[in-house]
Amino acid sequence: RALIGNVGSRFCQPLAPQTGWWWNPAEDGRGFGIEVRGNNLFLSGYLYDESGHATWAVSPGPIALDGSLFTGTIYQVANGQTLTGDYKAPSPPTTAGTITLSFADARNGTLTWPGGSIPIRRFDDIIGSGNGVTPSFVPENGWWWNPTESGRGYFMEFKNNFAFIAGYMYEPDGRPVWYVTQNPMTTPKSFSGNWAQVANGQTLTGPYKKPTTINSNVGPVSIQF
């Protein structure tokens, strides 16, 4: 969240996207975390590099007054903290092009970046059937991090007592990587699951390719809120 910038306020953002997971339903296995805070939008893209390895990119910056348009630089980061290692600050980010997001409403938009243009929509309608009852405590959707250990973070979305979480970090060789986990909440304030690793999907610039899960149990994850 350090990249989100100063949090401001708008009088009206009728077309601002909802915070949460977005995707192209026709191209599963790749998606985007979008968070809007006041004047600023922070986008993370989870995708794959040319070798098939899961990788990620981010883009922070200001959004239009009505929330309908965002244009920013795509940044990629490497050489930071691994899943199991001690904290290591990542290298300075490098640029990988530009991105434009235009929104028809809070749940539908178009993403344009080096790979072309695709329609995107909110992903929450398929996150967890749960029991349809909202618990008394629900963690906040969006980016989570340890403020003393920048360069690694987690995008979380909660619905119907179900959680969908992606962890953005690095491999031992320094390459960025992401893992995902999804499960019903253990209790309203706790989550337990296993990180899964996906590979061999669509690159930033290439045509659509459906990915595969290469490890359904990279390691355990538990969160106490």
C-alpha atoms as a PDB file:
ATOM      1  CA  ARG A   1       0.000   0.000   0.000  1.00  0.00           C
ATOM      2  CA  ALA A   2       2.968   2.354   0.207  1.00  0.00           C
ATOM      3  CA  LEU A   3       2.567   2.868  -3.534  1.00  0.00           C
ATOM      4  CA  ILE A   4      -1.070   3.971  -3.280  1.00  0.00           C
ATOM      5  CA  GLY A   5      -0.037   7.459  -2.250  1.00  0.00           C
ATOM      6  CA  ASN A   6      -1.830  10.017  -0.127  1.00  0.00           C
ATOM      7  CA  VAL A   7      -5.455   9.177   0.523  1.00  0.00           C
ATOM      8  CA  GLY A   8      -7.784  11.968  -0.554  1.00  0.00           C
ATOM      9  CA  SER A   9     -11.501  12.330  -1.039  1.00  0.00           C
ATOM     10  CA  ARG A  10     -13.852  13.004  -3.939  1.00  0.00           C
ATOM     11  CA  PHE A  11     -17.267  14.608  -3.844  1.00  0.00           C
ATOM     12  CA  CYS A  12     -18.586  12.049  -6.332  1.00  0.00           C
ATOM     13  CA  GLN A  13     -17.109   8.987  -8.089  1.00  0.00           C
ATOM     14  CA  PRO A  14     -20.178   7.376  -9.687  1.00  0.00           C
ATOM     15  CA  LEU A  15     -18.127   5.216 -12.068  1.00  0.00           C
ATOM     16  CA  ALA A  16     -15.275   4.281  -9.712  1.00  0.00           C
ATOM     17  CA  PRO A  17     -14.571   0.520  -9.733  1.00  0.00           C
ATOM     18  CA  GLN A  18     -15.394  -1.557  -6.693  1.00  0.00           C
ATOM     19  CA  THR A  19     -12.383  -2.663  -4.667  1.00  0.00           C
ATOM     20  CA  GLY A  20     -11.735  -6.374  -5.168  1.00  0.00           C
ATOM     21  CA  TRP A  21     -10.852  -8.996  -7.765  1.00  0.00           C
ATOM     22  CA  TRP A  22     -11.489  -8.360 -11.454  1.00  0.00           C
ATOM     23  CA  TRP A  23     -11.061 -10.687 -14.452  1.00  0.00           C
ATOM     24  CA  ASN A  24     -12.033 -11.497 -18.005  1.00  0.00           C
ATOM     25  CA  PRO A  25     -14.517 -14.400 -17.639  1.00  0.00           C
ATOM     26  CA  ALA A  26     -13.474 -15.765 -21.046  1.00  0.00           C
ATOM     27  CA  GLU A  27      -9.805 -15.969 -19.968  1.00  0.00           C
ATOM     28  CA  ASP A  28      -9.603 -17.568 -16.544  1.00  0.00           C
ATOM     29  CA  GLY A  29      -6.281 -18.057 -14.783  1.00  0.00           C
ATOM     30  CA  ARG A  30      -5.294 -14.403 -14.963  1.00  0.00           C
ATOM     31  CA  GLY A  31      -6.775 -11.574 -12.948  1.00  0.00           C
ATOM     32  CA  PHE A  32      -6.414  -8.163 -11.376  1.00  0.00           C
ATOM     33  CA  GLY A  33      -6.716  -6.718  -7.903  1.00  0.00           C
ATOM     34  CA  ILE A  34      -8.106  -3.177  -7.920  1.00  0.00           C
ATOM     35  CA  GLU A  35      -8.315  -0.885  -4.907  1.00  0.00           C
ATOM     36  CA  VAL A  36      -9.576   2.700  -4.964  1.00  0.00           C
ATOM     37  CA  ARG A  37      -8.843   5.006  -2.041  1.00  0.00           C
ATOM     38  CA  GLY A  38      -9.932   8.592  -2.423  1.00  0.00           C
ATOM     39  CA  ASN A  39      -8.031  10.069  -5.357  1.00  0.00           C
ATOM     40  CA  ASN A  40      -5.935   7.001  -6.089  1.00  0.00           C
ATOM     41  CA  LEU A  41      -6.162   3.579  -7.696  1.00  0.00           C
ATOM     42  CA  PHE A  42      -3.765   0.677  -7.148  1.00  0.00           C
ATOM     43  CA  LEU A  43      -3.856  -2.207  -9.626  1.00  0.00           C
ATOM     44  CA  SER A  44      -2.037  -5.522  -9.391  1.00  0.00           C
ATOM     45  CA  GLY A  45      -2.016  -7.998 -12.249  1.00  0.00           C
ATOM     46  CA  TYR A  46      -1.327 -11.671 -11.746  1.00  0.00           C
ATOM     47  CA  LEU A  47      -0.143 -13.351 -14.937  1.00  0.00           C
ATOM     48  CA  TYR A  48       2.806 -15.362 -16.308  1.00  0.00           C
ATOM     49  CA  ASP A  49       6.185 -14.733 -17.928  1.00  0.00           C
ATOM     50  CA  GLU A  50       7.448 -16.221 -21.187  1.00  0.00           C
ATOM     51  CA  SER A  51       8.783 -19.310 -19.381  1.00  0.00           C
ATOM     52  CA  GLY A  52       5.340 -19.994 -17.886  1.00  0.00           C
ATOM     53  CA  HIS A  53       6.338 -18.904 -14.390  1.00  0.00           C
ATOM     54  CA  ALA A  54       3.717 -16.980 -12.392  1.00  0.00           C
ATOM     55  CA  THR A  55       4.667 -13.315 -12.143  1.00  0.00           C
ATOM     56  CA  TRP A  56       2.996 -10.023 -11.248  1.00  0.00           C
ATOM     57  CA  ALA A  57       2.972  -6.324 -12.029  1.00  0.00           C
ATOM     58  CA  VAL A  58       1.484  -3.257 -10.353  1.00  0.00           C
ATOM     59  CA  SER A  59       0.317   0.213 -11.347  1.00  0.00           C
ATOM     60  CA  PRO A  60      -0.543   2.998  -8.872  1.00  0.00           C
ATOM     61  CA  GLY A  61      -1.770   6.499  -9.573  1.00  0.00           C
ATOM     62  CA  PRO A  62      -4.617   9.033  -9.580  1.00  0.00           C
ATOM     63  CA  ILE A  63      -8.023   8.222 -11.024  1.00  0.00           C
ATOM     64  CA  ALA A  64     -10.369  10.583 -12.916  1.00  0.00           C
ATOM     65  CA  LEU A  65     -12.794  12.763 -10.949  1.00  0.00           C
ATOM     66  CA  ASP A  66     -15.805  10.566 -11.727  1.00  0.00           C
ATOM     67  CA  GLY A  67     -13.790   7.342 -11.337  1.00  0.00           C
ATOM     68  CA  SER A  68     -14.242   6.328 -14.981  1.00  0.00           C
ATOM     69  CA  LEU A  69     -10.627   6.485 -16.203  1.00  0.00           C
ATOM     70  CA  PHE A  70      -7.179   5.494 -14.954  1.00  0.00           C
ATOM     71  CA  THR A  71      -3.903   5.711 -16.863  1.00  0.00           C
ATOM     72  CA  GLY A  72      -0.629   4.664 -15.282  1.00  0.00           C
ATOM     73  CA  THR A  73       2.785   3.064 -15.622  1.00  0.00           C
ATOM     74  CA  ILE A  74       3.187  -0.691 -15.143  1.00  0.00           C
ATOM     75  CA  TYR A  75       5.932  -1.574 -12.661  1.00  0.00           C
ATOM     76  CA  GLN A  76       7.638  -4.905 -12.055  1.00  0.00           C
ATOM     77  CA  VAL A  77       9.673  -5.691  -8.933  1.00  0.00           C
ATOM     78  CA  ALA A  78      12.195  -8.453  -8.163  1.00  0.00           C
ATOM     79  CA  ASN A  79      14.681  -9.769  -5.595  1.00  0.00           C
ATOM     80  CA  GLY A  80      12.555  -9.409  -2.467  1.00  0.00           C
ATOM     81  CA  GLN A  81      11.353 -11.655   0.338  1.00  0.00           C
ATOM     82  CA  THR A  82      10.573 -15.302  -0.379  1.00  0.00           C
ATOM     83  CA  LEU A  83       7.746 -17.370   1.066  1.00  0.00           C
ATOM     84  CA  THR A  84       9.949 -18.825   3.814  1.00  0.00           C
ATOM     85  CA  GLY A  85      13.014 -16.581   3.998  1.00  0.00           C
ATOM     86  CA  ASP A  86      13.947 -13.603   6.148  1.00  0.00           C
ATOM     87  CA  TYR A  87      12.835 -10.148   5.064  1.00  0.00           C
ATOM     88  CA  LYS A  88      14.753  -8.708   2.134  1.00  0.00           C
ATOM     89  CA  ALA A  89      13.935  -5.359   0.556  1.00  0.00           C
ATOM     90  CA  PRO A  90      13.302  -5.741  -3.193  1.00  0.00           C
ATOM     91  CA  SER A  91      15.207  -4.034  -5.959  1.00  0.00           C
ATOM     92  CA  PRO A  92      13.893  -0.710  -7.310  1.00  0.00           C
ATOM     93  CA  PRO A  93      10.941  -1.257  -9.671  1.00  0.00           C
ATOM     94  CA  THR A  94      11.362  -1.363 -13.442  1.00  0.00           C
ATOM     95  CA  THR A  95       8.782  -0.233 -15.987  1.00  0.00           C
ATOM     96  CA  ALA A  96       6.978  -2.567 -18.386  1.00  0.00           C
ATOM     97  CA  GLY A  97       4.724  -0.192 -20.314  1.00  0.00           C
ATOM     98  CA  THR A  98       1.527   1.701 -19.614  1.00  0.00           C
ATOM     99  CA  ILE A  99      -2.005   0.710 -18.738  1.00  0.00           C
ATOM    100  CA  THR A 100      -5.421   2.324 -19.178  1.00  0.00           C
ATOM    101  CA  LEU A 101      -8.577   1.309 -17.348  1.00  0.00           C
ATOM    102  CA  SER A 102     -11.931   2.719 -18.447  1.00  0.00           C
ATOM    103  CA  PHE A 103     -15.069   1.888 -16.484  1.00  0.00           C
ATOM    104  CA  ALA A 104     -18.636   1.828 -17.761  1.00  0.00           C
ATOM    105  CA  ASP A 105     -19.837   1.374 -14.178  1.00  0.00           C
ATOM    106  CA  ALA A 106     -18.541   0.118 -10.838  1.00  0.00           C
ATOM    107  CA  ARG A 107     -18.469  -3.511 -12.009  1.00  0.00           C
ATOM    108  CA  ASN A 108     -17.536  -3.444 -15.707  1.00  0.00           C
ATOM    109  CA  GLY A 109     -14.624  -1.947 -17.610  1.00  0.00           C
ATOM    110  CA  THR A 110     -11.970  -2.274 -20.298  1.00  0.00           C
ATOM    111  CA  LEU A 111      -8.265  -2.817 -19.672  1.00  0.00           C
ATOM    112  CA  THR A 112      -5.707  -1.757 -22.284  1.00  0.00           C
ATOM    113  CA  TRP A 113      -1.988  -2.522 -21.870  1.00  0.00           C
ATOM    114  CA  PRO A 114       0.915  -3.987 -23.918  1.00  0.00           C
ATOM    115  CA  GLY A 115      -1.077  -7.187 -24.484  1.00  0.00           C
ATOM    116  CA  GLY A 116      -4.011  -5.349 -26.074  1.00  0.00           C
ATOM    117  CA  SER A 117      -7.507  -4.590 -24.772  1.00  0.00           C
ATOM    118  CA  ILE A 118      -9.806  -6.919 -22.855  1.00  0.00           C
ATOM    119  CA  PRO A 119     -13.136  -6.505 -21.075  1.00  0.00           C
ATOM    120  CA  ILE A 120     -12.910  -6.970 -17.325  1.00  0.00           C
ATOM    121  CA  ARG A 121     -15.586  -7.359 -14.668  1.00  0.00           C
ATOM    122  CA  ARG A 122     -15.886  -7.951 -10.946  1.00  0.00           C
ATOM    123  CA  PHE A 123     -15.052 -11.488  -9.878  1.00  0.00           C
ATOM    124  CA  ASP A 124     -17.015 -11.540  -6.613  1.00  0.00           C
ATOM    125  CA  ASP A 125     -20.150 -13.146  -8.064  1.00  0.00           C
ATOM    126  CA  ILE A 126     -18.339 -16.521  -8.123  1.00  0.00           C
ATOM    127  CA  ILE A 127     -16.296 -16.212  -4.935  1.00  0.00           C
ATOM    128  CA  GLY A 128     -17.563 -18.758  -2.442  1.00  0.00           C
ATOM    129  CA  SER A 129     -21.183 -19.772  -2.201  1.00  0.00           C
ATOM    130  CA  GLY A 130     -20.964 -19.744   1.611  1.00  0.00           C
ATOM    131  CA  ASN A 131     -24.373 -19.737   3.229  1.00  0.00           C
ATOM    132  CA  GLY A 132     -25.403 -16.338   1.900  1.00  0.00           C
ATOM    133  CA  VAL A 133     -25.249 -14.838   5.387  1.00  0.00           C
ATOM    134  CA  THR A 134     -22.836 -11.996   6.094  1.00  0.00           C
ATOM    135  CA  PRO A 135     -21.083 -12.632   9.427  1.00  0.00           C
ATOM    136  CA  SER A 136     -20.949  -9.970  12.120  1.00  0.00           C
ATOM    137  CA  PHE A 137     -17.247  -9.356  11.373  1.00  0.00           C
ATOM    138  CA  VAL A 138     -15.880  -9.156   7.832  1.00  0.00           C
ATOM    139  CA  PRO A 139     -12.215  -8.220   7.129  1.00  0.00           C
ATOM    140  CA  GLU A 140     -11.726  -5.363   4.700  1.00  0.00           C
ATOM    141  CA  ASN A 141     -11.293  -6.199   1.012  1.00  0.00           C
ATOM    142  CA  GLY A 142      -8.129  -4.953  -0.679  1.00  0.00           C
ATOM    143  CA  TRP A 143      -4.378  -4.810  -0.136  1.00  0.00           C
ATOM    144  CA  TRP A 144      -2.816  -5.942   3.124  1.00  0.00           C
ATOM    145  CA  TRP A 145       0.862  -5.746   4.099  1.00  0.00           C
ATOM    146  CA  ASN A 146       3.429  -5.430   6.853  1.00  0.00           C
ATOM    147  CA  PRO A 147       4.359  -1.706   6.770  1.00  0.00           C
ATOM    148  CA  THR A 148       7.894  -2.486   8.007  1.00  0.00           C
ATOM    149  CA  GLU A 149       8.509  -4.979   5.179  1.00  0.00           C
ATOM    150  CA  SER A 150       7.538  -3.298   1.918  1.00  0.00           C
ATOM    151  CA  GLY A 151       7.748  -5.078  -1.425  1.00  0.00           C
ATOM    152  CA  ARG A 152       5.540  -8.009  -0.483  1.00  0.00           C
ATOM    153  CA  GLY A 153       1.774  -7.988  -0.014  1.00  0.00           C
ATOM    154  CA  TYR A 154      -1.525  -9.809  -0.053  1.00  0.00           C
ATOM    155  CA  PHE A 155      -4.729  -9.032  -1.906  1.00  0.00           C
ATOM    156  CA  MET A 156      -7.790 -10.333  -0.052  1.00  0.00           C
ATOM    157  CA  GLU A 157     -11.478 -10.495  -0.819  1.00  0.00           C
ATOM    158  CA  PHE A 158     -14.186 -11.796   1.496  1.00  0.00           C
ATOM    159  CA  LYS A 159     -17.764 -12.747   0.667  1.00  0.00           C
ATOM    160  CA  ASN A 160     -20.375 -14.962   2.309  1.00  0.00           C
ATOM    161  CA  ASN A 161     -17.896 -16.163   4.926  1.00  0.00           C
ATOM    162  CA  PHE A 162     -15.452 -17.159   2.140  1.00  0.00           C
ATOM    163  CA  ALA A 163     -11.965 -15.779   1.443  1.00  0.00           C
ATOM    164  CA  PHE A 164      -9.951 -15.540  -1.787  1.00  0.00           C
ATOM    165  CA  ILE A 165      -6.342 -14.425  -1.171  1.00  0.00           C
ATOM    166  CA  ALA A 166      -3.262 -13.938  -3.358  1.00  0.00           C
ATOM    167  CA  GLY A 167       0.228 -13.519  -1.940  1.00  0.00           C
ATOM    168  CA  TYR A 168       2.711 -11.457  -3.947  1.00  0.00           C
ATOM    169  CA  MET A 169       6.359 -12.273  -3.155  1.00  0.00           C
ATOM    170  CA  TYR A 170       9.548 -13.690  -4.700  1.00  0.00           C
ATOM    171  CA  GLU A 171      11.317 -16.945  -5.549  1.00  0.00           C
ATOM    172  CA  PRO A 172      14.797 -17.761  -4.112  1.00  0.00           C
ATOM    173  CA  ASP A 173      16.320 -16.695  -7.463  1.00  0.00           C
ATOM    174  CA  GLY A 174      14.649 -13.262  -7.120  1.00  0.00           C
ATOM    175  CA  ARG A 175      11.842 -13.676  -9.637  1.00  0.00           C
ATOM    176  CA  PRO A 176       8.437 -12.323  -8.563  1.00  0.00           C
ATOM    177  CA  VAL A 177       5.852 -15.013  -7.933  1.00  0.00           C
ATOM    178  CA  TRP A 178       2.304 -15.240  -6.598  1.00  0.00           C
ATOM    179  CA  TYR A 179       0.392 -17.911  -4.746  1.00  0.00           C
ATOM    180  CA  VAL A 180      -3.339 -18.186  -4.102  1.00  0.00           C
ATOM    181  CA  THR A 181      -5.542 -19.709  -1.427  1.00  0.00           C
ATOM    182  CA  GLN A 182      -9.311 -19.883  -1.080  1.00  0.00           C
ATOM    183  CA  ASN A 183     -11.453 -21.420   1.650  1.00  0.00           C
ATOM    184  CA  PRO A 184     -14.379 -20.715   3.928  1.00  0.00           C
ATOM    185  CA  MET A 185     -13.348 -18.691   6.969  1.00  0.00           C
ATOM    186  CA  THR A 186     -12.526 -20.931   9.934  1.00  0.00           C
ATOM    187  CA  THR A 187     -14.216 -18.405  12.223  1.00  0.00           C
ATOM    188  CA  PRO A 188     -15.340 -14.823  11.476  1.00  0.00           C
ATOM    189  CA  LYS A 189     -11.851 -13.658  12.544  1.00  0.00           C
ATOM    190  CA  SER A 190      -9.590 -16.493  11.362  1.00  0.00           C
ATOM    191  CA  PHE A 191      -8.625 -18.189   8.107  1.00  0.00           C
ATOM    192  CA  SER A 192      -6.655 -21.367   7.369  1.00  0.00           C
ATOM    193  CA  GLY A 193      -5.672 -22.855   4.040  1.00  0.00           C
ATOM    194  CA  ASN A 194      -2.823 -23.859   1.748  1.00  0.00           C
ATOM    195  CA  TRP A 195      -0.991 -21.788  -0.820  1.00  0.00           C
ATOM    196  CA  ALA A 196      -1.362 -23.114  -4.382  1.00  0.00           C
ATOM    197  CA  GLN A 197       0.942 -22.293  -7.295  1.00  0.00           C
ATOM    198  CA  VAL A 198      -0.235 -21.893 -10.890  1.00  0.00           C
ATOM    199  CA  ALA A 199       1.884 -21.726 -14.055  1.00  0.00           C
ATOM    200  CA  ASN A 200       1.970 -21.823 -17.868  1.00  0.00           C
ATOM    201  CA  GLY A 201      -0.759 -19.273 -18.531  1.00  0.00           C
ATOM    202  CA  GLN A 202      -1.099 -16.025 -20.449  1.00  0.00           C
ATOM    203  CA  THR A 203       1.793 -13.565 -20.602  1.00  0.00           C
ATOM    204  CA  LEU A 204       1.567  -9.781 -20.548  1.00  0.00           C
ATOM    205  CA  THR A 205       1.723  -9.543 -24.347  1.00  0.00           C
ATOM    206  CA  GLY A 206       0.844 -13.005 -25.646  1.00  0.00           C
ATOM    207  CA  PRO A 207      -2.440 -14.636 -26.699  1.00  0.00           C
ATOM    208  CA  TYR A 208      -4.676 -16.327 -24.151  1.00  0.00           C
ATOM    209  CA  LYS A 209      -3.419 -19.621 -22.731  1.00  0.00           C
ATOM    210  CA  LYS A 210      -5.177 -21.540 -19.972  1.00  0.00           C
ATOM    211  CA  PRO A 211      -2.830 -22.162 -16.996  1.00  0.00           C
ATOM    212  CA  THR A 212      -2.393 -25.274 -14.870  1.00  0.00           C
ATOM    213  CA  THR A 213      -1.993 -25.786 -11.132  1.00  0.00           C
ATOM    214  CA  ILE A 214       1.504 -27.171 -10.591  1.00  0.00           C
ATOM    215  CA  ASN A 215       1.422 -27.389  -6.796  1.00  0.00           C
ATOM    216  CA  SER A 216      -1.791 -27.400  -4.782  1.00  0.00           C
ATOM    217  CA  ASN A 217       0.056 -27.300  -1.454  1.00  0.00           C
ATOM    218  CA  VAL A 218       3.105 -25.045  -1.497  1.00  0.00           C
ATOM    219  CA  GLY A 219       2.666 -24.560   2.234  1.00  0.00           C
ATOM    220  CA  PRO A 220       0.117 -23.655   4.909  1.00  0.00           C
ATOM    221  CA  VAL A 221      -1.251 -20.187   5.582  1.00  0.00           C
ATOM    222  CA  SER A 222      -3.272 -18.974   8.553  1.00  0.00           C
ATOM    223  CA  ILE A 223      -4.482 -15.485   9.425  1.00  0.00           C
ATOM    224  CA  GLN A 224      -5.903 -14.185  12.667  1.00  0.00           C
ATOM    225  CA  PHE A 225      -7.731 -10.870  12.381  1.00  0.00           C
END
